[in-house]
Amino acid sequence: MSKKLQDKVAIVTGSGRGIGRGIALRLAQDGATVVVADINADNVKKVAEEIKALGARTLAMVTDVTKEADVQKLVDTTVAEFGKLDIMVANAGIANIKMSIEMTADEWDKIFAVNCRGVFICDTVAARQMIKQGHKGTMGSGGRIINCASIAAHSGFSILAAYSASKFAVRGFTQALAKELGPHKITVNAYCPGIVGTDMWGLIDEKMGPYLGMGKGEVLKEYTKLITAGTVGVPEEVACFVSYLASSDADYMTGQSVMIDGGIVMN
């Protein structure tokens, strides 16, 4: 595998498992130094050990993305340890599987705290550091900000209303921030996974079943019928696209939220 991210320093939030772990490992394979950030201490240590085994530099940081002080510490520690920050992947996110009329306002707020507030904090703290570092005059040379959205950012899903709304917000913020940071040569894009074989989709399958009169595994099987490619995705397939966004190959791409879903939602 090419070392296209050699000498780059990346932070990946929510990288203790699932898609975030896949992204962290892929960026490390591409030559980047990867800071593993997650709210689960055991998970960050495990992923950091996997990255070390690949021969890449890494750091494990327990981080709550809803707390600005945590994210500031994350960025400051990264810069103190490795000298700079080139790539911020704001991947951390949660879901709540409920009908809207059954959801409390506090449950709604929790989804937005992680999925929107967390992205806002990670992006802006990273952007201030990137601006301080300067750029070389070419697009992308100022840094890369990469957000986790979803196919639910393009088409709202029932029983996932709060999640869908939060991801629509990420998509809109990605567009606006790309315009604001363009003069600083920082690109801002988002990746939009579909159905990926992770713990989150296991939870969706389990919690959505009773609403649809389906047993365990049946919801995932039914949703898989929507996938043109015919199979559920894996984290590595999403990570491939994030690798592209993090590289110089994506210099001319900003403000985009691209679906990696095997052909469920097509625009």
C-alpha atoms as a PDB file:
ATOM      1  CA  MET A   1       0.000   0.000   0.000  1.00  0.00           C
ATOM      2  CA  SER A   2       1.289   3.482  -0.879  1.00  0.00           C
ATOM      3  CA  LYS A   3       2.382   5.868   1.860  1.00  0.00           C
ATOM      4  CA  LYS A   4       0.434   8.803   0.434  1.00  0.00           C
ATOM      5  CA  LEU A   5      -0.093  10.299   3.897  1.00  0.00           C
ATOM      6  CA  GLN A   6       3.538  10.045   4.975  1.00  0.00           C
ATOM      7  CA  ASP A   7       4.436  12.815   7.477  1.00  0.00           C
ATOM      8  CA  LYS A   8       0.757  13.731   7.982  1.00  0.00           C
ATOM      9  CA  VAL A   9      -0.788  13.885  11.462  1.00  0.00           C
ATOM     10  CA  ALA A  10      -4.441  12.891  11.849  1.00  0.00           C
ATOM     11  CA  ILE A  11      -7.002  12.761  14.633  1.00  0.00           C
ATOM     12  CA  VAL A  12      -9.907  10.331  14.301  1.00  0.00           C
ATOM     13  CA  THR A  13     -12.691  10.669  16.867  1.00  0.00           C
ATOM     14  CA  GLY A  14     -14.935   7.754  17.727  1.00  0.00           C
ATOM     15  CA  SER A  15     -12.126   5.516  16.544  1.00  0.00           C
ATOM     16  CA  GLY A  16     -12.346   2.922  19.288  1.00  0.00           C
ATOM     17  CA  ARG A  17     -14.491   0.645  17.138  1.00  0.00           C
ATOM     18  CA  GLY A  18     -16.518   0.330  13.954  1.00  0.00           C
ATOM     19  CA  ILE A  19     -16.028   2.754  11.081  1.00  0.00           C
ATOM     20  CA  GLY A  20     -13.771   5.002  13.156  1.00  0.00           C
ATOM     21  CA  ARG A  21     -11.407   2.128  13.890  1.00  0.00           C
ATOM     22  CA  GLY A  22     -11.359   1.220  10.209  1.00  0.00           C
ATOM     23  CA  ILE A  23     -10.477   4.802   9.289  1.00  0.00           C
ATOM     24  CA  ALA A  24      -7.731   5.053  11.909  1.00  0.00           C
ATOM     25  CA  LEU A  25      -6.109   1.833  10.698  1.00  0.00           C
ATOM     26  CA  ARG A  26      -6.340   2.839   7.033  1.00  0.00           C
ATOM     27  CA  LEU A  27      -4.764   6.258   7.604  1.00  0.00           C
ATOM     28  CA  ALA A  28      -1.973   4.574   9.549  1.00  0.00           C
ATOM     29  CA  GLN A  29      -1.432   2.125   6.680  1.00  0.00           C
ATOM     30  CA  ASP A  30      -1.181   5.154   4.388  1.00  0.00           C
ATOM     31  CA  GLY A  31       1.712   6.463   6.482  1.00  0.00           C
ATOM     32  CA  ALA A  32      -0.055   8.953   8.746  1.00  0.00           C
ATOM     33  CA  THR A  33       0.529   9.433  12.440  1.00  0.00           C
ATOM     34  CA  VAL A  34      -2.916   8.717  13.914  1.00  0.00           C
ATOM     35  CA  VAL A  35      -4.296   9.936  17.230  1.00  0.00           C
ATOM     36  CA  VAL A  36      -7.032   7.558  18.377  1.00  0.00           C
ATOM     37  CA  ALA A  37      -9.764   9.463  20.249  1.00  0.00           C
ATOM     38  CA  ASP A  38     -12.795   7.834  21.811  1.00  0.00           C
ATOM     39  CA  ILE A  39     -14.859   8.029  24.984  1.00  0.00           C
ATOM     40  CA  ASN A  40     -14.031   4.390  25.788  1.00  0.00           C
ATOM     41  CA  ALA A  41     -10.569   4.076  27.341  1.00  0.00           C
ATOM     42  CA  ASP A  42     -10.161   0.347  26.706  1.00  0.00           C
ATOM     43  CA  ASN A  43     -11.066   0.693  23.043  1.00  0.00           C
ATOM     44  CA  VAL A  44      -8.628   3.532  22.324  1.00  0.00           C
ATOM     45  CA  LYS A  45      -5.790   1.539  23.853  1.00  0.00           C
ATOM     46  CA  LYS A  46      -6.607  -1.530  21.760  1.00  0.00           C
ATOM     47  CA  VAL A  47      -6.761   0.424  18.491  1.00  0.00           C
ATOM     48  CA  ALA A  48      -3.575   2.315  19.326  1.00  0.00           C
ATOM     49  CA  GLU A  49      -1.822  -1.033  19.834  1.00  0.00           C
ATOM     50  CA  GLU A  50      -3.086  -2.181  16.422  1.00  0.00           C
ATOM     51  CA  ILE A  51      -1.641   0.954  14.850  1.00  0.00           C
ATOM     52  CA  LYS A  52       1.700   0.452  16.594  1.00  0.00           C
ATOM     53  CA  ALA A  53       1.769  -3.065  15.166  1.00  0.00           C
ATOM     54  CA  LEU A  54       1.566  -1.499  11.708  1.00  0.00           C
ATOM     55  CA  GLY A  55       4.736   0.457  12.469  1.00  0.00           C
ATOM     56  CA  ALA A  56       2.969   3.833  12.641  1.00  0.00           C
ATOM     57  CA  ARG A  57       3.158   6.502  15.315  1.00  0.00           C
ATOM     58  CA  THR A  58       0.056   6.875  17.441  1.00  0.00           C
ATOM     59  CA  LEU A  59      -1.431   8.271  20.619  1.00  0.00           C
ATOM     60  CA  ALA A  60      -4.523   7.128  22.553  1.00  0.00           C
ATOM     61  CA  MET A  61      -6.713   9.895  23.970  1.00  0.00           C
ATOM     62  CA  VAL A  62      -9.931   9.447  25.941  1.00  0.00           C
ATOM     63  CA  THR A  63     -12.133  12.245  24.613  1.00  0.00           C
ATOM     64  CA  ASP A  64     -15.726  13.379  25.009  1.00  0.00           C
ATOM     65  CA  VAL A  65     -16.398  15.343  21.812  1.00  0.00           C
ATOM     66  CA  THR A  66     -19.310  17.201  23.420  1.00  0.00           C
ATOM     67  CA  LYS A  67     -16.849  18.952  25.768  1.00  0.00           C
ATOM     68  CA  GLU A  68     -14.815  21.735  24.223  1.00  0.00           C
ATOM     69  CA  ALA A  69     -12.105  21.421  26.876  1.00  0.00           C
ATOM     70  CA  ASP A  70     -11.644  17.733  25.992  1.00  0.00           C
ATOM     71  CA  VAL A  71     -11.289  18.469  22.287  1.00  0.00           C
ATOM     72  CA  GLN A  72      -8.952  21.402  22.913  1.00  0.00           C
ATOM     73  CA  LYS A  73      -6.780  19.105  25.033  1.00  0.00           C
ATOM     74  CA  LEU A  74      -6.898  16.509  22.259  1.00  0.00           C
ATOM     75  CA  VAL A  75      -5.638  18.970  19.657  1.00  0.00           C
ATOM     76  CA  ASP A  76      -3.104  20.639  21.967  1.00  0.00           C
ATOM     77  CA  THR A  77      -1.653  17.275  23.020  1.00  0.00           C
ATOM     78  CA  THR A  78      -1.457  16.128  19.402  1.00  0.00           C
ATOM     79  CA  VAL A  79       0.460  19.253  18.405  1.00  0.00           C
ATOM     80  CA  ALA A  80       2.724  19.073  21.460  1.00  0.00           C
ATOM     81  CA  GLU A  81       3.537  15.429  20.703  1.00  0.00           C
ATOM     82  CA  PHE A  82       3.782  15.501  16.904  1.00  0.00           C
ATOM     83  CA  GLY A  83       4.282  19.172  15.992  1.00  0.00           C
ATOM     84  CA  LYS A  84       1.156  19.804  13.947  1.00  0.00           C
ATOM     85  CA  LEU A  85      -2.324  18.692  12.897  1.00  0.00           C
ATOM     86  CA  ASP A  86      -3.081  18.017   9.228  1.00  0.00           C
ATOM     87  CA  ILE A  87      -6.292  15.969   9.280  1.00  0.00           C
ATOM     88  CA  MET A  88      -9.319  16.006  11.586  1.00  0.00           C
ATOM     89  CA  VAL A  89     -11.817  13.186  11.081  1.00  0.00           C
ATOM     90  CA  ALA A  90     -14.913  14.018  13.153  1.00  0.00           C
ATOM     91  CA  ASN A  91     -16.329  10.508  13.165  1.00  0.00           C
ATOM     92  CA  ALA A  92     -17.905  10.137  16.630  1.00  0.00           C
ATOM     93  CA  GLY A  93     -21.663   9.663  16.523  1.00  0.00           C
ATOM     94  CA  ILE A  94     -24.619   7.924  18.150  1.00  0.00           C
ATOM     95  CA  ALA A  95     -28.131   6.853  17.154  1.00  0.00           C
ATOM     96  CA  ASN A  96     -31.494   6.643  18.907  1.00  0.00           C
ATOM     97  CA  ILE A  97     -34.021   4.241  17.434  1.00  0.00           C
ATOM     98  CA  LYS A  98     -37.460   5.553  18.382  1.00  0.00           C
ATOM     99  CA  MET A  99     -40.570   7.029  16.833  1.00  0.00           C
ATOM    100  CA  SER A 100     -40.461  10.809  17.166  1.00  0.00           C
ATOM    101  CA  ILE A 101     -43.642  10.927  19.259  1.00  0.00           C
ATOM    102  CA  GLU A 102     -42.041   8.563  21.787  1.00  0.00           C
ATOM    103  CA  MET A 103     -38.797  10.500  22.087  1.00  0.00           C
ATOM    104  CA  THR A 104     -38.141  12.981  24.867  1.00  0.00           C
ATOM    105  CA  ALA A 105     -36.526  16.360  24.285  1.00  0.00           C
ATOM    106  CA  ASP A 106     -33.564  15.223  26.366  1.00  0.00           C
ATOM    107  CA  GLU A 107     -33.056  12.216  24.085  1.00  0.00           C
ATOM    108  CA  TRP A 108     -33.221  14.518  21.063  1.00  0.00           C
ATOM    109  CA  ASP A 109     -30.669  16.846  22.659  1.00  0.00           C
ATOM    110  CA  LYS A 110     -28.277  13.961  23.386  1.00  0.00           C
ATOM    111  CA  ILE A 111     -28.221  12.954  19.713  1.00  0.00           C
ATOM    112  CA  PHE A 112     -27.497  16.521  18.659  1.00  0.00           C
ATOM    113  CA  ALA A 113     -24.895  16.966  21.407  1.00  0.00           C
ATOM    114  CA  VAL A 114     -22.725  14.197  19.973  1.00  0.00           C
ATOM    115  CA  ASN A 115     -23.575  14.286  16.262  1.00  0.00           C
ATOM    116  CA  CYS A 116     -23.734  18.081  15.786  1.00  0.00           C
ATOM    117  CA  ARG A 117     -22.150  19.856  18.738  1.00  0.00           C
ATOM    118  CA  GLY A 118     -19.330  17.307  18.679  1.00  0.00           C
ATOM    119  CA  VAL A 119     -18.654  17.874  14.978  1.00  0.00           C
ATOM    120  CA  PHE A 120     -18.803  21.652  15.438  1.00  0.00           C
ATOM    121  CA  ILE A 121     -16.321  21.564  18.318  1.00  0.00           C
ATOM    122  CA  CYS A 122     -13.901  19.176  16.602  1.00  0.00           C
ATOM    123  CA  ASP A 123     -14.011  21.100  13.326  1.00  0.00           C
ATOM    124  CA  THR A 124     -13.564  24.576  14.802  1.00  0.00           C
ATOM    125  CA  VAL A 125     -10.850  23.656  17.296  1.00  0.00           C
ATOM    126  CA  ALA A 126      -8.962  21.853  14.511  1.00  0.00           C
ATOM    127  CA  ALA A 127      -9.511  24.729  12.078  1.00  0.00           C
ATOM    128  CA  ARG A 128      -8.033  27.290  14.448  1.00  0.00           C
ATOM    129  CA  GLN A 129      -4.910  25.145  14.793  1.00  0.00           C
ATOM    130  CA  MET A 130      -4.671  24.626  11.034  1.00  0.00           C
ATOM    131  CA  ILE A 131      -5.035  28.346  10.355  1.00  0.00           C
ATOM    132  CA  LYS A 132      -2.264  29.032  12.869  1.00  0.00           C
ATOM    133  CA  GLN A 133       0.000  26.598  11.001  1.00  0.00           C
ATOM    134  CA  GLY A 134      -0.587  28.382   7.681  1.00  0.00           C
ATOM    135  CA  HIS A 135      -0.677  26.974   4.148  1.00  0.00           C
ATOM    136  CA  LYS A 136       1.443  26.674   1.027  1.00  0.00           C
ATOM    137  CA  GLY A 137      -0.979  28.477  -1.272  1.00  0.00           C
ATOM    138  CA  THR A 138      -2.596  25.418  -2.816  1.00  0.00           C
ATOM    139  CA  MET A 139      -6.039  24.102  -1.943  1.00  0.00           C
ATOM    140  CA  GLY A 140      -5.845  21.456   0.757  1.00  0.00           C
ATOM    141  CA  SER A 141      -2.383  22.518   1.919  1.00  0.00           C
ATOM    142  CA  GLY A 142      -3.929  24.224   4.948  1.00  0.00           C
ATOM    143  CA  GLY A 143      -5.459  21.006   6.248  1.00  0.00           C
ATOM    144  CA  ARG A 144      -8.299  18.526   5.865  1.00  0.00           C
ATOM    145  CA  ILE A 145     -11.500  18.422   7.892  1.00  0.00           C
ATOM    146  CA  ILE A 146     -13.581  15.312   7.269  1.00  0.00           C
ATOM    147  CA  ASN A 147     -16.983  14.810   8.891  1.00  0.00           C
ATOM    148  CA  CYS A 148     -19.123  11.741   9.367  1.00  0.00           C
ATOM    149  CA  ALA A 149     -22.588  12.263   7.915  1.00  0.00           C
ATOM    150  CA  SER A 150     -24.801   9.436   6.623  1.00  0.00           C
ATOM    151  CA  ILE A 151     -27.186   8.473   3.850  1.00  0.00           C
ATOM    152  CA  ALA A 152     -29.667   9.810   6.427  1.00  0.00           C
ATOM    153  CA  ALA A 153     -28.176  13.246   5.658  1.00  0.00           C
ATOM    154  CA  HIS A 154     -29.678  12.961   2.161  1.00  0.00           C
ATOM    155  CA  SER A 155     -32.931  11.131   2.900  1.00  0.00           C
ATOM    156  CA  GLY A 156     -34.624  11.031   6.300  1.00  0.00           C
ATOM    157  CA  PHE A 157     -35.349   7.587   7.754  1.00  0.00           C
ATOM    158  CA  SER A 158     -38.381   6.788   9.882  1.00  0.00           C
ATOM    159  CA  ILE A 159     -37.676   5.638  13.450  1.00  0.00           C
ATOM    160  CA  LEU A 160     -34.343   7.436  13.030  1.00  0.00           C
ATOM    161  CA  ALA A 161     -35.710  10.977  12.888  1.00  0.00           C
ATOM    162  CA  ALA A 162     -33.332  12.587  15.382  1.00  0.00           C
ATOM    163  CA  TYR A 163     -30.367  10.825  13.809  1.00  0.00           C
ATOM    164  CA  SER A 164     -31.480  11.889  10.330  1.00  0.00           C
ATOM    165  CA  ALA A 165     -31.975  15.502  11.409  1.00  0.00           C
ATOM    166  CA  SER A 166     -28.560  15.592  13.071  1.00  0.00           C
ATOM    167  CA  LYS A 167     -26.869  14.261   9.956  1.00  0.00           C
ATOM    168  CA  PHE A 168     -28.688  16.762   7.721  1.00  0.00           C
ATOM    169  CA  ALA A 169     -27.218  19.395  10.050  1.00  0.00           C
ATOM    170  CA  VAL A 170     -23.715  17.966   9.595  1.00  0.00           C
ATOM    171  CA  ARG A 171     -24.144  18.104   5.838  1.00  0.00           C
ATOM    172  CA  GLY A 172     -25.217  21.766   5.960  1.00  0.00           C
ATOM    173  CA  PHE A 173     -22.415  22.694   8.342  1.00  0.00           C
ATOM    174  CA  THR A 174     -19.893  20.941   6.100  1.00  0.00           C
ATOM    175  CA  GLN A 175     -20.967  23.106   3.171  1.00  0.00           C
ATOM    176  CA  ALA A 176     -20.901  26.355   5.154  1.00  0.00           C
ATOM    177  CA  LEU A 177     -17.575  25.643   6.843  1.00  0.00           C
ATOM    178  CA  ALA A 178     -15.990  24.727   3.505  1.00  0.00           C
ATOM    179  CA  LYS A 179     -16.836  28.207   2.233  1.00  0.00           C
ATOM    180  CA  GLU A 180     -15.497  29.862   5.381  1.00  0.00           C
ATOM    181  CA  LEU A 181     -12.228  27.939   5.382  1.00  0.00           C
ATOM    182  CA  GLY A 182     -11.597  28.032   1.642  1.00  0.00           C
ATOM    183  CA  PRO A 183      -9.421  31.177   1.887  1.00  0.00           C
ATOM    184  CA  HIS A 184      -7.211  29.288   4.354  1.00  0.00           C
ATOM    185  CA  LYS A 185      -6.819  26.423   1.834  1.00  0.00           C
ATOM    186  CA  ILE A 186      -8.532  23.978   4.214  1.00  0.00           C
ATOM    187  CA  THR A 187     -10.909  21.491   2.619  1.00  0.00           C
ATOM    188  CA  VAL A 188     -14.052  20.364   4.432  1.00  0.00           C
ATOM    189  CA  ASN A 189     -15.947  17.287   3.249  1.00  0.00           C
ATOM    190  CA  ALA A 190     -18.155  14.540   4.648  1.00  0.00           C
ATOM    191  CA  TYR A 191     -18.578  10.834   4.033  1.00  0.00           C
ATOM    192  CA  CYS A 192     -22.049   9.318   4.164  1.00  0.00           C
ATOM    193  CA  PRO A 193     -22.065   5.612   5.006  1.00  0.00           C
ATOM    194  CA  GLY A 194     -25.080   3.453   4.360  1.00  0.00           C
ATOM    195  CA  ILE A 195     -25.626   0.082   5.998  1.00  0.00           C
ATOM    196  CA  VAL A 196     -22.291  -1.006   7.428  1.00  0.00           C
ATOM    197  CA  GLY A 197     -21.704  -4.107   9.521  1.00  0.00           C
ATOM    198  CA  THR A 198     -20.960  -2.376  12.841  1.00  0.00           C
ATOM    199  CA  ASP A 199     -22.299  -2.368  16.394  1.00  0.00           C
ATOM    200  CA  MET A 200     -24.472   0.639  15.525  1.00  0.00           C
ATOM    201  CA  TRP A 201     -26.304  -1.285  12.824  1.00  0.00           C
ATOM    202  CA  GLY A 202     -26.633  -4.208  15.191  1.00  0.00           C
ATOM    203  CA  LEU A 203     -28.424  -1.851  17.579  1.00  0.00           C
ATOM    204  CA  ILE A 204     -30.644  -0.489  14.795  1.00  0.00           C
ATOM    205  CA  ASP A 205     -31.578  -4.027  13.798  1.00  0.00           C
ATOM    206  CA  GLU A 206     -32.438  -4.926  17.399  1.00  0.00           C
ATOM    207  CA  LYS A 207     -34.418  -1.786  18.309  1.00  0.00           C
ATOM    208  CA  MET A 208     -36.211  -1.273  15.005  1.00  0.00           C
ATOM    209  CA  GLY A 209     -37.493  -4.863  14.825  1.00  0.00           C
ATOM    210  CA  PRO A 210     -40.407  -4.465  17.260  1.00  0.00           C
ATOM    211  CA  TYR A 211     -41.698  -1.413  15.359  1.00  0.00           C
ATOM    212  CA  LEU A 212     -41.730  -3.384  12.119  1.00  0.00           C
ATOM    213  CA  GLY A 213     -42.880  -6.685  13.554  1.00  0.00           C
ATOM    214  CA  MET A 214     -39.561  -8.343  12.766  1.00  0.00           C
ATOM    215  CA  GLY A 215     -37.183 -10.534  14.751  1.00  0.00           C
ATOM    216  CA  LYS A 216     -33.446 -10.189  15.253  1.00  0.00           C
ATOM    217  CA  GLY A 217     -31.593 -10.059  11.958  1.00  0.00           C
ATOM    218  CA  GLU A 218     -34.717  -9.545   9.884  1.00  0.00           C
ATOM    219  CA  VAL A 219     -34.518  -5.735   9.768  1.00  0.00           C
ATOM    220  CA  LEU A 220     -30.956  -5.850   8.460  1.00  0.00           C
ATOM    221  CA  LYS A 221     -31.970  -8.493   5.934  1.00  0.00           C
ATOM    222  CA  GLU A 222     -34.898  -6.350   4.753  1.00  0.00           C
ATOM    223  CA  TYR A 223     -32.792  -3.184   4.470  1.00  0.00           C
ATOM    224  CA  THR A 224     -30.111  -5.100   2.578  1.00  0.00           C
ATOM    225  CA  LYS A 225     -32.659  -5.550  -0.212  1.00  0.00           C
ATOM    226  CA  LEU A 226     -32.350  -1.780  -0.824  1.00  0.00           C
ATOM    227  CA  ILE A 227     -28.636  -2.046  -1.595  1.00  0.00           C
ATOM    228  CA  THR A 228     -27.919  -2.106  -5.331  1.00  0.00           C
ATOM    229  CA  ALA A 229     -24.567  -3.773  -4.678  1.00  0.00           C
ATOM    230  CA  GLY A 230     -26.435  -6.518  -2.835  1.00  0.00           C
ATOM    231  CA  THR A 231     -24.284  -6.684   0.287  1.00  0.00           C
ATOM    232  CA  VAL A 232     -23.836  -4.821   3.570  1.00  0.00           C
ATOM    233  CA  GLY A 233     -20.782  -2.580   3.646  1.00  0.00           C
ATOM    234  CA  VAL A 234     -17.699  -2.997   5.830  1.00  0.00           C
ATOM    235  CA  PRO A 235     -15.744  -0.240   7.630  1.00  0.00           C
ATOM    236  CA  GLU A 236     -12.758  -0.698   5.311  1.00  0.00           C
ATOM    237  CA  GLU A 237     -14.851   0.402   2.311  1.00  0.00           C
ATOM    238  CA  VAL A 238     -15.752   3.660   4.032  1.00  0.00           C
ATOM    239  CA  ALA A 239     -12.156   4.087   5.166  1.00  0.00           C
ATOM    240  CA  CYS A 240     -10.952   3.898   1.558  1.00  0.00           C
ATOM    241  CA  PHE A 241     -12.949   7.013   0.711  1.00  0.00           C
ATOM    242  CA  VAL A 242     -11.807   8.870   3.821  1.00  0.00           C
ATOM    243  CA  SER A 243      -8.250   8.020   2.805  1.00  0.00           C
ATOM    244  CA  TYR A 244      -8.929   9.715  -0.524  1.00  0.00           C
ATOM    245  CA  LEU A 245     -10.381  12.825   1.149  1.00  0.00           C
ATOM    246  CA  ALA A 246      -7.322  13.030   3.402  1.00  0.00           C
ATOM    247  CA  SER A 247      -4.897  12.874   0.474  1.00  0.00           C
ATOM    248  CA  SER A 248      -3.683  15.328  -2.149  1.00  0.00           C
ATOM    249  CA  ASP A 249      -5.859  13.489  -4.681  1.00  0.00           C
ATOM    250  CA  ALA A 250      -8.816  15.388  -3.204  1.00  0.00           C
ATOM    251  CA  ASP A 251      -7.257  18.863  -3.374  1.00  0.00           C
ATOM    252  CA  TYR A 252     -10.025  20.201  -5.629  1.00  0.00           C
ATOM    253  CA  MET A 253     -12.886  18.747  -3.602  1.00  0.00           C
ATOM    254  CA  THR A 254     -14.563  20.666  -0.779  1.00  0.00           C
ATOM    255  CA  GLY A 255     -18.050  21.152   0.654  1.00  0.00           C
ATOM    256  CA  GLN A 256     -19.203  17.717  -0.500  1.00  0.00           C
ATOM    257  CA  SER A 257     -21.074  14.972   1.374  1.00  0.00           C
ATOM    258  CA  VAL A 258     -20.593  11.782  -0.590  1.00  0.00           C
ATOM    259  CA  MET A 259     -22.502   8.538  -0.134  1.00  0.00           C
ATOM    260  CA  ILE A 260     -20.678   5.239   0.255  1.00  0.00           C
ATOM    261  CA  ASP A 261     -23.724   3.007   0.508  1.00  0.00           C
ATOM    262  CA  GLY A 262     -23.638   0.434  -2.279  1.00  0.00           C
ATOM    263  CA  GLY A 263     -26.357   2.338  -4.113  1.00  0.00           C
ATOM    264  CA  ILE A 264     -29.224   2.832  -1.631  1.00  0.00           C
ATOM    265  CA  VAL A 265     -29.688   6.591  -2.039  1.00  0.00           C
ATOM    266  CA  MET A 266     -28.778   8.070  -5.397  1.00  0.00           C
ATOM    267  CA  ASN A 267     -28.699  11.791  -6.158  1.00  0.00           C
END
